[in-house]
Amino acid sequence: MNDMRLFERAATVDEVKIRAKDVNVHYGIAHALKDVSVDIGDRLVTAFIGPSGCGKSTFLRCLNRMNDTIAAARVTGAIELDGQDIYDRRVDPVQLRAKVGMVFQKPNPFPKSIYENVAYGPRIHGLARTRAELDEIVEKALRRAALWNEAKDRLQSPGTGLSGGQQQRLCIARAIATEPEVLLMDEPASALDPIATAQIEELIDELRQTYSVVIVTHSMQQAARVSQRTAFFHLGHLVEYGETGDIFTNPRDPRTESYISGRIG
């Protein structure tokens, strides 16, 4: 039986939201992620940085079991959300993803109206009993995603008719409409212009007041601007993890120093 009571928010002394221990990922014979252990804090922005193909997006997808959708993927080790194993056989991945939302690199609104994009998750998860409750959820999510003022008079218009930056904020609204506790973002601004990128970064800073945010980014400047913790990945290993300021100004590992200074990557 699927039991989402496994994911009731639990207050912990060290405020760890997600704890990963000895996580390995294989794609067939390829060993993509190697013995990754890390604690991700509650209501912080944690940035994953590193060269292309280093494992950061692979690890991000472990946090809401998106790798389950890849037939060749095999994940070992332990990942806990609020102290509970997310790979427990009783856990329904669909319900897990309502708690651990995800925003992808390229804006991917559904071919539906703005309203229906946001209402989709709450409707399938039974979060609204009436149309009025659903209306309230949609408005709240669009407000949190800083899109309400631009969208409130065109809620029945296609989400695909929005600009790129607006589409990404719509995808963020869609992700947070199910009231997740963690929000994963895989390079959410890489396809956007500088103005839209700045809007997304400002939004990320606001969202961390409510959610634990984990962001994969190729931009070290973006990681420095938006995150409080940074993890540096290289060749499938988590090389270094700590306070963002320390990672960028006083890295402990020479590989981190080489990446930040531009000598590798």
C-alpha atoms as a PDB file:
ATOM      1  CA  MET A   1       0.000   0.000   0.000  1.00  0.00           C
ATOM      2  CA  ASN A   2       1.324   3.476  -0.904  1.00  0.00           C
ATOM      3  CA  ASP A   3       1.795   5.438   2.282  1.00  0.00           C
ATOM      4  CA  MET A   4       2.521   9.150   1.918  1.00  0.00           C
ATOM      5  CA  ARG A   5       2.645   9.404   5.692  1.00  0.00           C
ATOM      6  CA  LEU A   6       6.239   8.415   5.072  1.00  0.00           C
ATOM      7  CA  PHE A   7       6.737  11.982   3.890  1.00  0.00           C
ATOM      8  CA  GLU A   8       5.124  14.010   6.637  1.00  0.00           C
ATOM      9  CA  ARG A   9       7.423  16.890   7.483  1.00  0.00           C
ATOM     10  CA  ALA A  10       9.631  15.978  10.428  1.00  0.00           C
ATOM     11  CA  ALA A  11      11.498  18.564  12.461  1.00  0.00           C
ATOM     12  CA  THR A  12      15.121  17.552  12.780  1.00  0.00           C
ATOM     13  CA  VAL A  13      17.816  19.041  14.951  1.00  0.00           C
ATOM     14  CA  ASP A  14      20.196  19.662  12.058  1.00  0.00           C
ATOM     15  CA  GLU A  15      17.400  20.597   9.637  1.00  0.00           C
ATOM     16  CA  VAL A  16      18.487  18.065   7.049  1.00  0.00           C
ATOM     17  CA  LYS A  17      15.772  17.648   4.435  1.00  0.00           C
ATOM     18  CA  ILE A  18      17.395  15.060   2.181  1.00  0.00           C
ATOM     19  CA  ARG A  19      20.159  12.674   3.191  1.00  0.00           C
ATOM     20  CA  ALA A  20      21.995  10.639   0.563  1.00  0.00           C
ATOM     21  CA  LYS A  21      24.490   7.924   1.466  1.00  0.00           C
ATOM     22  CA  ASP A  22      26.739   5.943  -0.877  1.00  0.00           C
ATOM     23  CA  VAL A  23      24.572   6.591  -3.931  1.00  0.00           C
ATOM     24  CA  ASN A  24      25.741   4.947  -7.144  1.00  0.00           C
ATOM     25  CA  VAL A  25      24.079   5.102 -10.552  1.00  0.00           C
ATOM     26  CA  HIS A  26      24.829   2.828 -13.468  1.00  0.00           C
ATOM     27  CA  TYR A  27      23.450   3.246 -16.995  1.00  0.00           C
ATOM     28  CA  GLY A  28      24.055  -0.239 -18.309  1.00  0.00           C
ATOM     29  CA  ILE A  29      27.790  -0.782 -17.838  1.00  0.00           C
ATOM     30  CA  ALA A  30      28.530   2.955 -17.493  1.00  0.00           C
ATOM     31  CA  HIS A  31      29.147   4.018 -13.880  1.00  0.00           C
ATOM     32  CA  ALA A  32      27.703   7.538 -13.899  1.00  0.00           C
ATOM     33  CA  LEU A  33      27.624   8.365 -10.174  1.00  0.00           C
ATOM     34  CA  LYS A  34      30.068   7.012  -7.619  1.00  0.00           C
ATOM     35  CA  ASP A  35      29.515   6.745  -3.857  1.00  0.00           C
ATOM     36  CA  VAL A  36      27.818  10.127  -3.379  1.00  0.00           C
ATOM     37  CA  SER A  37      26.946  11.026   0.208  1.00  0.00           C
ATOM     38  CA  VAL A  38      25.501  14.428   1.087  1.00  0.00           C
ATOM     39  CA  ASP A  39      23.023  16.123   3.445  1.00  0.00           C
ATOM     40  CA  ILE A  40      20.801  18.767   1.830  1.00  0.00           C
ATOM     41  CA  GLY A  41      19.461  21.377   4.208  1.00  0.00           C
ATOM     42  CA  ASP A  42      15.873  22.466   4.685  1.00  0.00           C
ATOM     43  CA  ARG A  43      14.783  25.809   3.192  1.00  0.00           C
ATOM     44  CA  LEU A  44      18.116  26.511   1.564  1.00  0.00           C
ATOM     45  CA  VAL A  45      19.196  26.757  -2.054  1.00  0.00           C
ATOM     46  CA  THR A  46      21.771  24.069  -2.826  1.00  0.00           C
ATOM     47  CA  ALA A  47      23.614  24.373  -6.149  1.00  0.00           C
ATOM     48  CA  PHE A  48      25.198  21.461  -8.011  1.00  0.00           C
ATOM     49  CA  ILE A  49      28.066  22.597 -10.237  1.00  0.00           C
ATOM     50  CA  GLY A  50      30.632  20.837 -12.390  1.00  0.00           C
ATOM     51  CA  PRO A  51      31.585  20.105 -16.012  1.00  0.00           C
ATOM     52  CA  SER A  52      29.142  18.555 -18.463  1.00  0.00           C
ATOM     53  CA  GLY A  53      28.713  14.838 -17.864  1.00  0.00           C
ATOM     54  CA  CYS A  54      30.008  14.990 -14.285  1.00  0.00           C
ATOM     55  CA  GLY A  55      26.900  13.451 -12.696  1.00  0.00           C
ATOM     56  CA  LYS A  56      25.137  16.474 -11.248  1.00  0.00           C
ATOM     57  CA  SER A  57      21.903  16.076 -13.236  1.00  0.00           C
ATOM     58  CA  THR A  58      21.994  12.314 -12.716  1.00  0.00           C
ATOM     59  CA  PHE A  59      22.108  12.858  -8.971  1.00  0.00           C
ATOM     60  CA  LEU A  60      19.363  15.488  -9.124  1.00  0.00           C
ATOM     61  CA  ARG A  61      17.118  12.957 -10.870  1.00  0.00           C
ATOM     62  CA  CYS A  62      17.787  10.443  -8.097  1.00  0.00           C
ATOM     63  CA  LEU A  63      16.126  12.790  -5.611  1.00  0.00           C
ATOM     64  CA  ASN A  64      12.654  12.260  -7.075  1.00  0.00           C
ATOM     65  CA  ARG A  65      13.275   8.912  -8.769  1.00  0.00           C
ATOM     66  CA  MET A  66      13.201  10.289 -12.296  1.00  0.00           C
ATOM     67  CA  ASN A  67      15.885   7.747 -13.148  1.00  0.00           C
ATOM     68  CA  ASP A  68      13.159   5.123 -12.676  1.00  0.00           C
ATOM     69  CA  THR A  69      11.926   6.162 -16.131  1.00  0.00           C
ATOM     70  CA  ILE A  70      15.224   5.067 -17.753  1.00  0.00           C
ATOM     71  CA  ALA A  71      15.221   1.324 -18.362  1.00  0.00           C
ATOM     72  CA  ALA A  72      19.004   0.954 -18.218  1.00  0.00           C
ATOM     73  CA  ALA A  73      19.425   2.953 -15.002  1.00  0.00           C
ATOM     74  CA  ARG A  74      20.261   1.224 -11.729  1.00  0.00           C
ATOM     75  CA  VAL A  75      20.433   3.198  -8.481  1.00  0.00           C
ATOM     76  CA  THR A  76      21.995   1.824  -5.295  1.00  0.00           C
ATOM     77  CA  GLY A  77      22.648   3.365  -1.898  1.00  0.00           C
ATOM     78  CA  ALA A  78      20.171   5.253   0.271  1.00  0.00           C
ATOM     79  CA  ILE A  79      18.277   8.522  -0.153  1.00  0.00           C
ATOM     80  CA  GLU A  80      16.002   9.720   2.639  1.00  0.00           C
ATOM     81  CA  LEU A  81      13.433  12.509   2.674  1.00  0.00           C
ATOM     82  CA  ASP A  82      12.634  13.589   6.227  1.00  0.00           C
ATOM     83  CA  GLY A  83      14.332  10.412   7.426  1.00  0.00           C
ATOM     84  CA  GLN A  84      12.301   8.062   5.227  1.00  0.00           C
ATOM     85  CA  ASP A  85      13.706   5.992   2.366  1.00  0.00           C
ATOM     86  CA  ILE A  86      12.301   7.300  -0.935  1.00  0.00           C
ATOM     87  CA  TYR A  87      13.230   4.012  -2.639  1.00  0.00           C
ATOM     88  CA  ASP A  88      11.116   1.996  -0.190  1.00  0.00           C
ATOM     89  CA  ARG A  89       8.911  -0.372  -2.210  1.00  0.00           C
ATOM     90  CA  ARG A  90       5.805   1.097  -0.546  1.00  0.00           C
ATOM     91  CA  VAL A  91       6.511   4.529  -2.001  1.00  0.00           C
ATOM     92  CA  ASP A  92       4.618   5.488  -5.152  1.00  0.00           C
ATOM     93  CA  PRO A  93       7.022   7.552  -7.323  1.00  0.00           C
ATOM     94  CA  VAL A  94       4.111   9.643  -8.618  1.00  0.00           C
ATOM     95  CA  GLN A  95       3.196  10.644  -5.076  1.00  0.00           C
ATOM     96  CA  LEU A  96       6.864  11.254  -4.292  1.00  0.00           C
ATOM     97  CA  ARG A  97       7.119  13.671  -7.221  1.00  0.00           C
ATOM     98  CA  ALA A  98       4.211  15.643  -5.803  1.00  0.00           C
ATOM     99  CA  LYS A  99       6.416  16.193  -2.734  1.00  0.00           C
ATOM    100  CA  VAL A 100       9.639  16.676  -4.697  1.00  0.00           C
ATOM    101  CA  GLY A 101       8.750  18.842  -7.687  1.00  0.00           C
ATOM    102  CA  MET A 102      10.983  19.364 -10.707  1.00  0.00           C
ATOM    103  CA  VAL A 103      11.587  22.127 -13.239  1.00  0.00           C
ATOM    104  CA  PHE A 104      13.542  21.218 -16.355  1.00  0.00           C
ATOM    105  CA  GLN A 105      16.113  23.026 -18.452  1.00  0.00           C
ATOM    106  CA  LYS A 106      13.775  23.893 -21.299  1.00  0.00           C
ATOM    107  CA  PRO A 107      10.342  25.316 -20.461  1.00  0.00           C
ATOM    108  CA  ASN A 108       7.856  22.523 -21.179  1.00  0.00           C
ATOM    109  CA  PRO A 109       4.297  23.728 -20.560  1.00  0.00           C
ATOM    110  CA  PHE A 110       1.545  21.264 -21.381  1.00  0.00           C
ATOM    111  CA  PRO A 111      -0.437  22.002 -24.580  1.00  0.00           C
ATOM    112  CA  LYS A 112      -3.227  23.307 -22.384  1.00  0.00           C
ATOM    113  CA  SER A 113      -4.374  26.643 -21.023  1.00  0.00           C
ATOM    114  CA  ILE A 114      -2.370  28.490 -18.396  1.00  0.00           C
ATOM    115  CA  TYR A 115      -5.028  27.551 -15.852  1.00  0.00           C
ATOM    116  CA  GLU A 116      -5.001  23.857 -16.781  1.00  0.00           C
ATOM    117  CA  ASN A 117      -1.199  23.695 -16.656  1.00  0.00           C
ATOM    118  CA  VAL A 118      -1.270  24.691 -12.991  1.00  0.00           C
ATOM    119  CA  ALA A 119      -4.484  22.838 -12.108  1.00  0.00           C
ATOM    120  CA  TYR A 120      -3.321  19.505 -13.550  1.00  0.00           C
ATOM    121  CA  GLY A 121      -1.274  18.298 -10.564  1.00  0.00           C
ATOM    122  CA  PRO A 122      -3.698  19.346  -7.814  1.00  0.00           C
ATOM    123  CA  ARG A 123      -6.542  17.752  -9.768  1.00  0.00           C
ATOM    124  CA  ILE A 124      -4.907  14.332 -10.240  1.00  0.00           C
ATOM    125  CA  HIS A 125      -3.711  14.286  -6.627  1.00  0.00           C
ATOM    126  CA  GLY A 126      -7.156  15.222  -5.305  1.00  0.00           C
ATOM    127  CA  LEU A 127      -6.001  18.391  -3.562  1.00  0.00           C
ATOM    128  CA  ALA A 128      -9.156  20.373  -4.378  1.00  0.00           C
ATOM    129  CA  ARG A 129     -12.722  19.328  -3.638  1.00  0.00           C
ATOM    130  CA  THR A 130     -14.415  22.179  -5.490  1.00  0.00           C
ATOM    131  CA  ARG A 131     -13.739  24.468  -8.436  1.00  0.00           C
ATOM    132  CA  ALA A 132     -13.364  27.365  -5.998  1.00  0.00           C
ATOM    133  CA  GLU A 133     -10.629  25.504  -4.128  1.00  0.00           C
ATOM    134  CA  LEU A 134      -8.882  24.708  -7.411  1.00  0.00           C
ATOM    135  CA  ASP A 135      -9.136  28.375  -8.447  1.00  0.00           C
ATOM    136  CA  GLU A 136      -7.492  29.338  -5.167  1.00  0.00           C
ATOM    137  CA  ILE A 137      -4.656  26.832  -5.630  1.00  0.00           C
ATOM    138  CA  VAL A 138      -4.004  28.055  -9.180  1.00  0.00           C
ATOM    139  CA  GLU A 139      -3.921  31.696  -8.125  1.00  0.00           C
ATOM    140  CA  LYS A 140      -1.651  30.961  -5.159  1.00  0.00           C
ATOM    141  CA  ALA A 141       0.808  29.031  -7.317  1.00  0.00           C
ATOM    142  CA  LEU A 142       0.876  31.708 -10.013  1.00  0.00           C
ATOM    143  CA  ARG A 143       1.439  34.389  -7.381  1.00  0.00           C
ATOM    144  CA  ARG A 144       4.313  32.414  -5.824  1.00  0.00           C
ATOM    145  CA  ALA A 145       5.811  32.021  -9.294  1.00  0.00           C
ATOM    146  CA  ALA A 146       5.513  35.796  -9.866  1.00  0.00           C
ATOM    147  CA  LEU A 147       3.256  35.234 -12.879  1.00  0.00           C
ATOM    148  CA  TRP A 148      -0.211  36.105 -11.598  1.00  0.00           C
ATOM    149  CA  ASN A 149      -0.237  39.753 -12.654  1.00  0.00           C
ATOM    150  CA  GLU A 150       0.832  38.842 -16.187  1.00  0.00           C
ATOM    151  CA  ALA A 151      -1.503  35.852 -16.526  1.00  0.00           C
ATOM    152  CA  LYS A 152      -4.648  36.614 -14.521  1.00  0.00           C
ATOM    153  CA  ASP A 153      -6.537  38.066 -17.519  1.00  0.00           C
ATOM    154  CA  ARG A 154      -5.527  35.244 -19.891  1.00  0.00           C
ATOM    155  CA  LEU A 155      -5.864  32.096 -17.810  1.00  0.00           C
ATOM    156  CA  GLN A 156      -7.686  30.276 -20.615  1.00  0.00           C
ATOM    157  CA  SER A 157      -5.018  31.147 -23.185  1.00  0.00           C
ATOM    158  CA  PRO A 158      -2.463  28.474 -24.156  1.00  0.00           C
ATOM    159  CA  GLY A 159       0.559  28.245 -21.894  1.00  0.00           C
ATOM    160  CA  THR A 160       2.683  27.842 -25.009  1.00  0.00           C
ATOM    161  CA  GLY A 161       1.734  31.395 -26.019  1.00  0.00           C
ATOM    162  CA  LEU A 162       3.780  32.899 -23.183  1.00  0.00           C
ATOM    163  CA  SER A 163       7.335  34.150 -23.576  1.00  0.00           C
ATOM    164  CA  GLY A 164      10.200  31.807 -22.684  1.00  0.00           C
ATOM    165  CA  GLY A 165      10.700  33.339 -19.261  1.00  0.00           C
ATOM    166  CA  GLN A 166       6.968  33.319 -18.563  1.00  0.00           C
ATOM    167  CA  GLN A 167       6.737  29.683 -19.670  1.00  0.00           C
ATOM    168  CA  GLN A 168       9.463  28.730 -17.204  1.00  0.00           C
ATOM    169  CA  ARG A 169       7.665  30.565 -14.405  1.00  0.00           C
ATOM    170  CA  LEU A 170       4.493  28.718 -15.444  1.00  0.00           C
ATOM    171  CA  CYS A 171       6.407  25.437 -15.104  1.00  0.00           C
ATOM    172  CA  ILE A 172       7.524  26.552 -11.635  1.00  0.00           C
ATOM    173  CA  ALA A 173       3.908  27.363 -10.751  1.00  0.00           C
ATOM    174  CA  ARG A 174       2.895  23.918 -12.015  1.00  0.00           C
ATOM    175  CA  ALA A 175       5.590  22.290  -9.868  1.00  0.00           C
ATOM    176  CA  ILE A 176       4.639  24.115  -6.671  1.00  0.00           C
ATOM    177  CA  ALA A 177       0.859  23.776  -7.113  1.00  0.00           C
ATOM    178  CA  THR A 178       0.965  20.363  -5.398  1.00  0.00           C
ATOM    179  CA  GLU A 179       2.573  21.958  -2.315  1.00  0.00           C
ATOM    180  CA  PRO A 180       5.905  20.138  -2.573  1.00  0.00           C
ATOM    181  CA  GLU A 181       8.524  20.367   0.134  1.00  0.00           C
ATOM    182  CA  VAL A 182      11.494  20.191  -2.238  1.00  0.00           C
ATOM    183  CA  LEU A 183      11.885  21.872  -5.630  1.00  0.00           C
ATOM    184  CA  LEU A 184      14.484  20.497  -8.040  1.00  0.00           C
ATOM    185  CA  MET A 185      15.640  22.728 -10.900  1.00  0.00           C
ATOM    186  CA  ASP A 186      17.799  21.402 -13.739  1.00  0.00           C
ATOM    187  CA  GLU A 187      19.427  24.472 -15.295  1.00  0.00           C
ATOM    188  CA  PRO A 188      16.140  26.399 -15.208  1.00  0.00           C
ATOM    189  CA  ALA A 189      17.541  29.567 -16.782  1.00  0.00           C
ATOM    190  CA  SER A 190      19.961  28.201 -19.371  1.00  0.00           C
ATOM    191  CA  ALA A 191      17.501  28.706 -22.250  1.00  0.00           C
ATOM    192  CA  LEU A 192      16.463  32.206 -21.142  1.00  0.00           C
ATOM    193  CA  ASP A 193      17.667  35.736 -21.895  1.00  0.00           C
ATOM    194  CA  PRO A 194      19.438  37.771 -19.168  1.00  0.00           C
ATOM    195  CA  ILE A 195      16.282  39.623 -18.053  1.00  0.00           C
ATOM    196  CA  ALA A 196      14.252  36.420 -17.705  1.00  0.00           C
ATOM    197  CA  THR A 197      17.226  34.764 -15.979  1.00  0.00           C
ATOM    198  CA  ALA A 198      17.327  37.558 -13.405  1.00  0.00           C
ATOM    199  CA  GLN A 199      13.593  37.090 -12.772  1.00  0.00           C
ATOM    200  CA  ILE A 200      14.050  33.348 -12.233  1.00  0.00           C
ATOM    201  CA  GLU A 201      16.977  33.949  -9.859  1.00  0.00           C
ATOM    202  CA  GLU A 202      14.948  36.445  -7.842  1.00  0.00           C
ATOM    203  CA  LEU A 203      12.102  33.939  -7.724  1.00  0.00           C
ATOM    204  CA  ILE A 204      14.437  31.183  -6.488  1.00  0.00           C
ATOM    205  CA  ASP A 205      15.484  33.390  -3.600  1.00  0.00           C
ATOM    206  CA  GLU A 206      11.838  33.915  -2.657  1.00  0.00           C
ATOM    207  CA  LEU A 207      10.944  30.224  -3.030  1.00  0.00           C
ATOM    208  CA  ARG A 208      13.554  29.100  -0.519  1.00  0.00           C
ATOM    209  CA  GLN A 209      11.491  30.736   2.212  1.00  0.00           C
ATOM    210  CA  THR A 210       8.984  27.920   1.661  1.00  0.00           C
ATOM    211  CA  TYR A 211      10.861  25.088  -0.043  1.00  0.00           C
ATOM    212  CA  SER A 212      14.195  23.334  -0.091  1.00  0.00           C
ATOM    213  CA  VAL A 213      15.551  24.217  -3.537  1.00  0.00           C
ATOM    214  CA  VAL A 214      18.211  22.202  -5.370  1.00  0.00           C
ATOM    215  CA  ILE A 215      19.511  23.687  -8.611  1.00  0.00           C
ATOM    216  CA  VAL A 216      21.855  22.300 -11.242  1.00  0.00           C
ATOM    217  CA  THR A 217      23.680  25.065 -13.070  1.00  0.00           C
ATOM    218  CA  HIS A 218      26.588  25.406 -15.473  1.00  0.00           C
ATOM    219  CA  SER A 219      26.953  29.029 -14.374  1.00  0.00           C
ATOM    220  CA  MET A 220      29.237  29.477 -11.387  1.00  0.00           C
ATOM    221  CA  GLN A 221      28.089  33.095 -11.188  1.00  0.00           C
ATOM    222  CA  GLN A 222      24.497  31.933 -10.872  1.00  0.00           C
ATOM    223  CA  ALA A 223      25.425  29.424  -8.179  1.00  0.00           C
ATOM    224  CA  ALA A 224      27.223  32.170  -6.274  1.00  0.00           C
ATOM    225  CA  ARG A 225      24.221  34.502  -6.577  1.00  0.00           C
ATOM    226  CA  VAL A 226      21.375  32.172  -5.614  1.00  0.00           C
ATOM    227  CA  SER A 227      22.708  29.404  -3.366  1.00  0.00           C
ATOM    228  CA  GLN A 228      23.729  29.031   0.246  1.00  0.00           C
ATOM    229  CA  ARG A 229      25.354  25.600  -0.269  1.00  0.00           C
ATOM    230  CA  THR A 230      27.297  24.338  -3.279  1.00  0.00           C
ATOM    231  CA  ALA A 231      28.311  20.823  -4.305  1.00  0.00           C
ATOM    232  CA  PHE A 232      31.037  20.344  -6.924  1.00  0.00           C
ATOM    233  CA  PHE A 233      30.849  17.175  -9.027  1.00  0.00           C
ATOM    234  CA  HIS A 234      33.622  15.803 -11.243  1.00  0.00           C
ATOM    235  CA  LEU A 235      33.746  12.528 -13.185  1.00  0.00           C
ATOM    236  CA  GLY A 236      30.841  11.060 -11.214  1.00  0.00           C
ATOM    237  CA  HIS A 237      32.262  11.954  -7.799  1.00  0.00           C
ATOM    238  CA  LEU A 238      31.017  14.545  -5.328  1.00  0.00           C
ATOM    239  CA  VAL A 239      34.364  16.255  -4.803  1.00  0.00           C
ATOM    240  CA  GLU A 240      33.443  19.011  -2.377  1.00  0.00           C
ATOM    241  CA  TYR A 241      30.363  20.343  -0.616  1.00  0.00           C
ATOM    242  CA  GLY A 242      29.928  23.280   1.724  1.00  0.00           C
ATOM    243  CA  GLU A 243      28.971  26.914   2.204  1.00  0.00           C
ATOM    244  CA  THR A 244      28.829  28.593  -1.193  1.00  0.00           C
ATOM    245  CA  GLY A 245      31.166  31.391  -0.150  1.00  0.00           C
ATOM    246  CA  ASP A 246      33.760  28.894   1.069  1.00  0.00           C
ATOM    247  CA  ILE A 247      33.563  26.774  -2.086  1.00  0.00           C
ATOM    248  CA  PHE A 248      34.226  29.775  -4.307  1.00  0.00           C
ATOM    249  CA  THR A 249      36.780  31.634  -2.205  1.00  0.00           C
ATOM    250  CA  ASN A 250      38.569  28.904  -0.261  1.00  0.00           C
ATOM    251  CA  PRO A 251      38.040  25.477  -1.882  1.00  0.00           C
ATOM    252  CA  ARG A 252      39.696  22.583  -0.093  1.00  0.00           C
ATOM    253  CA  ASP A 253      40.180  20.284  -3.075  1.00  0.00           C
ATOM    254  CA  PRO A 254      42.541  21.223  -5.928  1.00  0.00           C
ATOM    255  CA  ARG A 255      40.005  19.912  -8.465  1.00  0.00           C
ATOM    256  CA  THR A 256      37.465  22.452  -7.197  1.00  0.00           C
ATOM    257  CA  GLU A 257      40.056  25.206  -7.457  1.00  0.00           C
ATOM    258  CA  SER A 258      40.893  24.132 -11.009  1.00  0.00           C
ATOM    259  CA  TYR A 259      37.232  24.180 -12.038  1.00  0.00           C
ATOM    260  CA  ILE A 260      36.460  27.534 -10.463  1.00  0.00           C
ATOM    261  CA  SER A 261      39.568  29.094 -12.004  1.00  0.00           C
ATOM    262  CA  GLY A 262      38.668  27.706 -15.422  1.00  0.00           C
ATOM    263  CA  ARG A 263      41.509  25.202 -15.773  1.00  0.00           C
ATOM    264  CA  ILE A 264      39.097  22.270 -16.077  1.00  0.00           C
ATOM    265  CA  GLY A 265      35.546  22.125 -17.369  1.00  0.00           C
END
